[in-house]
Amino acid sequence: MTNDFILCVSKGWDSYISCEFHEIHTELIKLGWKRLVIDEVNDMDILSAIHRAKVVLLWEAYEFIERNELVLMNEPDSSTTAKKFFFCDDPHFFSPYRRGQRLRAFNWAETILATYPDKLHEWFPEVPSSKIKWMPHSAASCFSPTFEPSSDLILLSGSRTWPYPFRQFCHIKLPVDVCDIVDHPGYPGYPGDVNNKSKHDQMQMKHVGREQYANLLRRYPAMLVCGSIFNYLVAKVFEGMSAGCLVICDRASLSHRLSMLGFVEGQHYIGTDIFHVVDDAVTVKNMYLHDRQRWRFIVDNAFKKVHAEHRTEHRAAQINHECTASIMRSFNLESTTLREII
């Protein structure tokens, strides 16, 4: 399968702040995929491999498609048998150029694997919804539980910039004897995006980046999570559950998609909103201190569900299945057409 299934990824995922995507790439290699790292492998060699492949998956490779547009967008369908997949994480944009960059990739692909399919469809209505497949975030292998947390406080972590008003509210309103705030280190750019000039705190990155974030979560009995103004079902939800940390979710941004995956409020997580989060955080702290059985019930349910369905190995297997199925669907269609001709 190695030369038939090609995974093209931008340079830098192996050192990015999150381990998730690089781990999925590694799992796909175990399943027989060949990974080609853009900017480490010559573009012409990648294009040649794509031409010969049965399946190609470009992972957030907007700039690669942009600079090779003439080849990729104008290649006759009859000249290659490759099934074309594109993986899209955050679909939002703040300029016509960014939107065009994304739309070009979506038009190239036959199938878009999207962490946030509803938002992709909302912001790119010209893309047929039939092309968009939901591929939720997942928890990397470093997120495993410890026996008992070392703190009784509720953790608030992650960026508190303008897309996260829920976190900003919690930062202001939750008392220090209930909530512990850990600052986000910032993002050290983004793989494959030369225009992303975001800055990060290198020392803070060493404390809470990559595997260290899993160590951080294990210290706390619970954490506050939201999906930003974009209502993204972010990886933090799965990471917290996988680490044995009770997740307190902002209902407005997270509950709908969680329910679609079979997560139930009160059984796998605690739901809240800005009107009740202060009281809910106190309740969860008291639950951990005085009703450990109830706390353990929710934590164990969430942990079991994530470890059965939402780890990086599950997501890689899901991607592999979707891509393999596309070949089978094409084969069955061709066989049916041939029988009709005969």
Protein backbone atom coordinates (compact mmCIF):
# COMPACT_ATOMS: atom_id res chain seq x y z
CA MET A 1 0.00 0.00 0.00
CA THR A 2 2.98 2.31 0.67
CA ASN A 3 3.14 3.88 -2.81
CA ASP A 4 -0.64 3.75 -3.28
CA PHE A 5 -1.68 5.81 -0.24
CA ILE A 6 0.20 9.12 -0.07
CA LEU A 7 0.02 11.51 2.91
CA CYS A 8 1.41 15.00 2.25
CA VAL A 9 2.04 17.10 5.35
CA SER A 10 3.73 20.42 5.94
CA LYS A 11 7.01 20.59 7.81
CA GLY A 12 6.71 21.24 11.54
CA TRP A 13 3.93 19.00 12.83
CA ASP A 14 6.44 16.92 14.78
CA SER A 15 7.27 19.94 16.98
CA TYR A 16 3.92 21.77 17.01
CA ILE A 17 2.30 22.73 20.35
CA SER A 18 -0.20 19.85 19.97
CA CYS A 19 0.87 16.23 19.46
CA GLU A 20 -2.44 15.17 17.95
CA PHE A 21 -1.94 15.57 14.22
CA HIS A 22 1.64 14.30 14.12
CA GLU A 23 0.51 11.23 16.03
CA ILE A 24 -2.30 10.62 13.52
CA HIS A 25 0.27 10.87 10.73
CA THR A 26 2.44 8.30 12.50
CA GLU A 27 -0.53 5.97 12.93
CA LEU A 28 -1.35 6.27 9.22
CA ILE A 29 2.22 5.23 8.40
CA LYS A 30 1.67 2.12 10.54
CA LEU A 31 -1.38 1.40 8.39
CA GLY A 32 0.76 1.46 5.26
CA TRP A 33 0.68 5.09 4.17
CA LYS A 34 3.73 6.87 2.78
CA ARG A 35 4.32 10.30 4.30
CA LEU A 36 5.90 13.04 2.22
CA VAL A 37 6.92 16.17 4.12
CA ILE A 38 6.42 19.33 2.08
CA ASP A 39 9.59 21.49 1.90
CA GLU A 40 11.70 18.46 2.79
CA VAL A 41 10.71 16.63 -0.38
CA ASN A 42 10.88 18.46 -3.72
CA ASP A 43 7.47 19.62 -5.01
CA MET A 44 7.97 17.85 -8.33
CA ASP A 45 8.63 14.56 -6.56
CA ILE A 46 5.47 15.02 -4.48
CA LEU A 47 3.45 15.81 -7.60
CA SER A 48 4.84 12.73 -9.30
CA ALA A 49 3.90 10.57 -6.28
CA ILE A 50 0.39 12.06 -6.27
CA HIS A 51 0.02 11.25 -9.97
CA ARG A 52 0.89 7.58 -9.38
CA ALA A 53 -1.09 7.11 -6.15
CA LYS A 54 -4.47 5.52 -5.61
CA VAL A 55 -5.25 7.87 -2.71
CA VAL A 56 -3.66 11.19 -1.76
CA LEU A 57 -4.38 13.10 1.43
CA LEU A 58 -3.12 16.68 1.67
CA TRP A 59 -3.08 17.79 5.30
CA GLU A 60 -3.75 21.54 5.68
CA ALA A 61 -1.49 22.00 2.65
CA TYR A 62 -3.02 25.22 1.36
CA GLU A 63 0.25 26.80 0.25
CA PHE A 64 1.41 23.66 -1.55
CA ILE A 65 -1.79 23.65 -3.62
CA GLU A 66 -1.48 27.39 -4.20
CA ARG A 67 2.03 27.25 -5.63
CA ASN A 68 1.25 24.13 -7.68
CA GLU A 69 -2.18 25.27 -8.81
CA LEU A 70 -1.48 24.97 -12.54
CA VAL A 71 -0.56 21.31 -12.18
CA LEU A 72 -3.06 20.21 -9.55
CA MET A 73 -6.13 22.14 -10.70
CA ASN A 74 -5.74 21.59 -14.44
CA GLU A 75 -4.81 17.91 -14.49
CA PRO A 76 -7.43 15.94 -16.50
CA ASP A 77 -9.32 13.40 -14.40
CA SER A 78 -8.38 10.71 -16.94
CA SER A 79 -4.66 11.24 -16.34
CA THR A 80 -4.70 10.00 -12.73
CA THR A 81 -6.68 7.48 -10.70
CA ALA A 82 -5.87 9.08 -7.35
CA LYS A 83 -8.74 9.76 -4.98
CA LYS A 84 -8.14 13.29 -3.69
CA PHE A 85 -8.64 14.04 0.02
CA PHE A 86 -7.93 17.23 1.94
CA PHE A 87 -7.80 17.58 5.73
CA CYS A 88 -9.11 20.88 7.10
CA ASP A 89 -8.91 21.96 10.73
CA ASP A 90 -9.91 25.58 11.41
CA PRO A 91 -11.88 26.84 8.37
CA HIS A 92 -12.25 30.46 9.50
CA PHE A 93 -10.57 33.31 7.64
CA PHE A 94 -10.15 37.07 8.00
CA SER A 95 -9.37 38.17 4.46
CA PRO A 96 -10.51 37.43 0.90
CA TYR A 97 -7.05 36.01 0.20
CA ARG A 98 -7.35 33.46 3.03
CA ARG A 99 -10.81 32.47 1.89
CA GLY A 100 -9.59 32.00 -1.66
CA GLN A 101 -6.66 29.94 -0.45
CA ARG A 102 -8.99 27.58 1.37
CA LEU A 103 -11.57 27.45 -1.39
CA ARG A 104 -8.89 26.45 -3.89
CA ALA A 105 -7.99 23.44 -1.75
CA PHE A 106 -11.64 22.50 -1.22
CA ASN A 107 -12.30 22.67 -4.96
CA TRP A 108 -9.30 20.43 -5.65
CA ALA A 109 -10.46 17.74 -3.25
CA GLU A 110 -13.07 15.11 -3.93
CA THR A 111 -13.51 14.65 -0.18
CA ILE A 112 -12.77 17.10 2.64
CA LEU A 113 -12.08 15.63 6.07
CA ALA A 114 -13.12 18.42 8.42
CA THR A 115 -12.88 18.79 12.18
CA TYR A 116 -15.64 21.43 11.99
CA PRO A 117 -17.86 20.46 9.04
CA ASP A 118 -20.81 22.65 9.99
CA LYS A 119 -18.65 25.77 9.96
CA LEU A 120 -16.97 24.82 6.70
CA HIS A 121 -20.38 24.43 5.10
CA GLU A 122 -21.61 27.71 6.62
CA TRP A 123 -18.62 29.77 5.49
CA PHE A 124 -18.11 28.02 2.13
CA PRO A 125 -21.67 27.39 0.90
CA GLU A 126 -20.43 26.87 -2.66
CA VAL A 127 -18.67 23.65 -1.54
CA PRO A 128 -21.12 20.71 -1.88
CA SER A 129 -21.98 19.32 1.53
CA SER A 130 -21.65 15.81 0.06
CA LYS A 131 -17.88 16.40 -0.16
CA ILE A 132 -17.51 17.19 3.55
CA LYS A 133 -16.92 14.38 6.06
CA TRP A 134 -16.71 14.95 9.81
CA MET A 135 -13.37 13.95 11.32
CA PRO A 136 -13.46 15.16 14.95
CA HIS A 137 -10.44 15.95 17.04
CA SER A 138 -8.95 13.23 19.22
CA ALA A 139 -6.70 12.69 22.23
CA ALA A 140 -3.03 11.83 21.75
CA SER A 141 -1.53 8.88 23.59
CA CYS A 142 0.17 11.06 26.23
CA PHE A 143 -3.24 11.92 27.69
CA SER A 144 -3.70 9.10 30.18
CA PRO A 145 -5.08 9.41 33.73
CA THR A 146 -3.26 9.43 37.04
CA PHE A 147 -4.55 7.86 40.26
CA GLU A 148 -5.47 11.13 41.97
CA PRO A 149 -5.00 14.83 41.10
CA SER A 150 -2.58 16.86 43.22
CA SER A 151 -4.86 19.92 43.39
CA ASP A 152 -8.51 20.48 44.29
CA LEU A 153 -8.86 23.54 42.03
CA ILE A 154 -10.60 23.82 38.66
CA LEU A 155 -8.17 24.44 35.79
CA LEU A 156 -8.66 27.24 33.27
CA SER A 157 -6.10 27.00 30.49
CA GLY A 158 -5.85 27.97 26.84
CA SER A 159 -5.85 31.27 25.01
CA ARG A 160 -7.91 34.13 26.45
CA THR A 161 -7.81 36.31 23.35
CA TRP A 162 -10.94 37.81 21.73
CA PRO A 163 -12.40 34.54 20.27
CA TYR A 164 -12.73 33.14 23.82
CA PRO A 165 -15.15 35.35 25.80
CA PHE A 166 -16.15 32.42 28.02
CA ARG A 167 -12.56 32.00 29.20
CA GLN A 168 -12.23 35.75 29.67
CA PHE A 169 -15.35 35.76 31.83
CA CYS A 170 -14.09 32.83 33.93
CA HIS A 171 -10.73 34.54 34.37
CA ILE A 172 -12.44 37.64 35.78
CA LYS A 173 -15.21 36.06 37.84
CA LEU A 174 -13.93 32.80 39.30
CA PRO A 175 -12.25 33.19 42.71
CA VAL A 176 -8.66 32.03 43.20
CA ASP A 177 -9.71 29.46 45.80
CA VAL A 178 -11.84 27.75 43.13
CA CYS A 179 -9.97 28.22 39.86
CA ASP A 180 -6.32 27.99 38.89
CA ILE A 181 -5.38 29.89 35.74
CA VAL A 182 -2.52 28.73 33.53
CA ASP A 183 -1.52 31.06 30.73
CA HIS A 184 -1.33 29.83 27.15
CA PRO A 185 2.22 29.98 25.70
CA GLY A 186 1.01 31.24 22.32
CA TYR A 187 1.46 29.55 18.96
CA PRO A 188 4.90 29.19 17.36
CA GLY A 189 3.52 29.79 13.88
CA TYR A 190 1.59 27.13 12.00
CA PRO A 191 2.99 24.34 9.81
CA GLY A 192 2.72 25.21 6.14
CA ASP A 193 1.64 28.82 6.75
CA VAL A 194 4.53 31.20 6.09
CA ASN A 195 2.29 34.21 6.70
CA ASN A 196 1.48 33.16 10.25
CA LYS A 197 3.75 35.32 12.41
CA SER A 198 2.24 34.52 15.80
CA LYS A 199 4.61 34.59 18.76
CA HIS A 200 5.01 32.30 21.75
CA ASP A 201 6.66 32.20 25.15
CA GLN A 202 9.41 29.58 24.90
CA MET A 203 9.65 29.04 28.65
CA GLN A 204 5.89 28.62 29.03
CA MET A 205 5.90 26.25 26.06
CA LYS A 206 8.31 23.98 27.93
CA HIS A 207 5.87 23.86 30.86
CA VAL A 208 2.56 23.35 29.05
CA GLY A 209 3.29 22.49 25.42
CA ARG A 210 2.90 19.06 23.82
CA GLU A 211 3.29 16.20 26.35
CA GLN A 212 3.61 18.67 29.22
CA TYR A 213 -0.01 19.70 28.74
CA ALA A 214 -1.05 16.14 29.57
CA ASN A 215 0.99 16.34 32.76
CA LEU A 216 -0.74 19.61 33.58
CA LEU A 217 -4.24 18.16 33.18
CA ARG A 218 -3.45 15.22 35.43
CA ARG A 219 -2.86 17.59 38.35
CA TYR A 220 -6.44 18.86 38.41
CA PRO A 221 -9.79 17.20 39.19
CA ALA A 222 -11.62 19.29 36.56
CA MET A 223 -11.12 21.81 33.77
CA LEU A 224 -13.19 24.47 32.02
CA VAL A 225 -13.53 24.14 28.24
CA CYS A 226 -15.27 26.18 25.55
CA GLY A 227 -15.41 26.09 21.76
CA SER A 228 -14.76 29.82 21.17
CA ILE A 229 -17.13 32.13 19.29
CA PHE A 230 -16.85 29.66 16.39
CA ASN A 231 -18.43 26.76 18.36
CA TYR A 232 -15.49 24.45 17.61
CA LEU A 233 -15.47 21.04 19.31
CA VAL A 234 -11.82 21.47 20.26
CA ALA A 235 -9.28 18.79 21.13
CA LYS A 236 -9.19 19.97 24.78
CA VAL A 237 -12.49 18.18 25.41
CA PHE A 238 -11.09 14.78 24.41
CA GLU A 239 -7.71 15.47 26.01
CA GLY A 240 -9.23 16.35 29.37
CA MET A 241 -11.50 13.31 29.38
CA SER A 242 -8.62 11.07 28.37
CA ALA A 243 -6.40 12.47 31.14
CA GLY A 244 -8.98 11.71 33.85
CA CYS A 245 -9.95 15.35 34.29
CA LEU A 246 -13.66 16.10 34.65
CA VAL A 247 -14.59 18.46 31.81
CA ILE A 248 -16.89 21.42 32.49
CA CYS A 249 -18.18 22.40 29.04
CA ASP A 250 -19.68 25.63 27.83
CA ARG A 251 -23.03 24.36 26.52
CA ALA A 252 -23.48 27.09 23.92
CA SER A 253 -20.34 26.17 22.00
CA LEU A 254 -19.89 22.45 22.69
CA SER A 255 -23.01 20.53 23.70
CA HIS A 256 -24.57 20.05 20.26
CA ARG A 257 -21.58 18.34 18.69
CA LEU A 258 -20.84 16.37 21.87
CA SER A 259 -24.36 14.95 21.80
CA MET A 260 -23.89 13.95 18.16
CA LEU A 261 -20.95 11.80 19.31
CA GLY A 262 -22.99 10.21 22.09
CA PHE A 263 -21.62 12.21 25.04
CA VAL A 264 -24.29 12.91 27.64
CA GLU A 265 -24.28 15.83 30.06
CA GLY A 266 -24.12 14.60 33.64
CA GLN A 267 -22.68 11.24 32.56
CA HIS A 268 -19.58 12.24 30.59
CA TYR A 269 -19.22 15.95 31.40
CA ILE A 270 -20.78 18.85 33.29
CA GLY A 271 -22.51 21.53 31.24
CA THR A 272 -22.48 25.20 32.14
CA ASP A 273 -22.88 28.76 30.83
CA ILE A 274 -21.71 32.23 31.78
CA PHE A 275 -24.70 32.74 34.04
CA HIS A 276 -23.97 29.66 36.16
CA VAL A 277 -20.29 28.84 35.72
CA VAL A 278 -19.22 30.41 39.03
CA ASP A 279 -21.69 28.26 40.99
CA ASP A 280 -21.03 25.21 38.80
CA ALA A 281 -17.27 25.44 39.35
CA VAL A 282 -17.82 25.56 43.12
CA THR A 283 -20.18 22.59 42.87
CA VAL A 284 -17.64 20.53 40.93
CA LYS A 285 -14.88 21.37 43.42
CA ASN A 286 -17.15 20.28 46.29
CA MET A 287 -18.07 17.16 44.34
CA TYR A 288 -14.41 16.21 44.16
CA LEU A 289 -13.84 16.96 47.86
CA HIS A 290 -17.04 15.50 49.33
CA ASP A 291 -18.69 13.25 46.73
CA ARG A 292 -15.74 11.47 45.17
CA GLN A 293 -17.94 8.61 43.95
CA ARG A 294 -19.99 10.98 41.78
CA TRP A 295 -16.83 12.68 40.46
CA ARG A 296 -15.29 9.30 39.67
CA PHE A 297 -18.47 8.14 37.91
CA ILE A 298 -18.33 11.02 35.38
CA VAL A 299 -14.55 10.86 34.94
CA ASP A 300 -14.57 7.09 34.35
CA ASN A 301 -17.45 7.25 31.87
CA ALA A 302 -15.72 9.95 29.85
CA PHE A 303 -12.35 8.20 29.97
CA LYS A 304 -13.82 4.90 28.78
CA LYS A 305 -15.69 6.51 25.89
CA VAL A 306 -12.70 8.50 24.65
CA HIS A 307 -10.36 5.52 24.96
CA ALA A 308 -12.80 3.37 23.03
CA GLU A 309 -13.63 5.86 20.26
CA HIS A 310 -11.64 9.10 20.23
CA ARG A 311 -7.92 8.47 20.48
CA THR A 312 -5.52 9.30 17.66
CA GLU A 313 -5.33 5.65 16.61
CA HIS A 314 -9.12 5.64 16.19
CA ARG A 315 -9.02 8.77 14.06
CA ALA A 316 -6.24 7.37 11.87
CA ALA A 317 -8.22 4.16 11.39
CA GLN A 318 -11.31 6.22 10.55
CA ILE A 319 -9.38 8.21 7.93
CA ASN A 320 -7.88 5.05 6.48
CA HIS A 321 -11.32 3.42 6.28
CA GLU A 322 -12.84 6.45 4.55
CA CYS A 323 -10.05 6.54 1.97
CA THR A 324 -10.13 2.79 1.36
CA ALA A 325 -13.90 2.86 1.01
CA SER A 326 -13.60 5.55 -1.67
CA ILE A 327 -11.62 3.13 -3.82
CA MET A 328 -14.18 0.38 -3.29
CA ARG A 329 -17.06 2.73 -4.16
CA SER A 330 -15.27 3.74 -7.35
CA PHE A 331 -14.57 0.11 -8.24
CA ASN A 332 -18.21 -0.89 -7.66
CA LEU A 333 -19.42 2.07 -9.74
CA GLU A 334 -17.10 1.16 -12.60
CA SER A 335 -18.21 -2.49 -12.42
CA THR A 336 -21.88 -1.45 -12.52
CA THR A 337 -21.27 0.86 -15.47
CA LEU A 338 -19.40 -1.87 -17.34
CA ARG A 339 -22.25 -4.36 -16.78
CA GLU A 340 -24.75 -1.79 -18.07
CA ILE A 341 -22.68 -1.29 -21.22
CA ILE A 342 -22.38 -5.02 -21.80
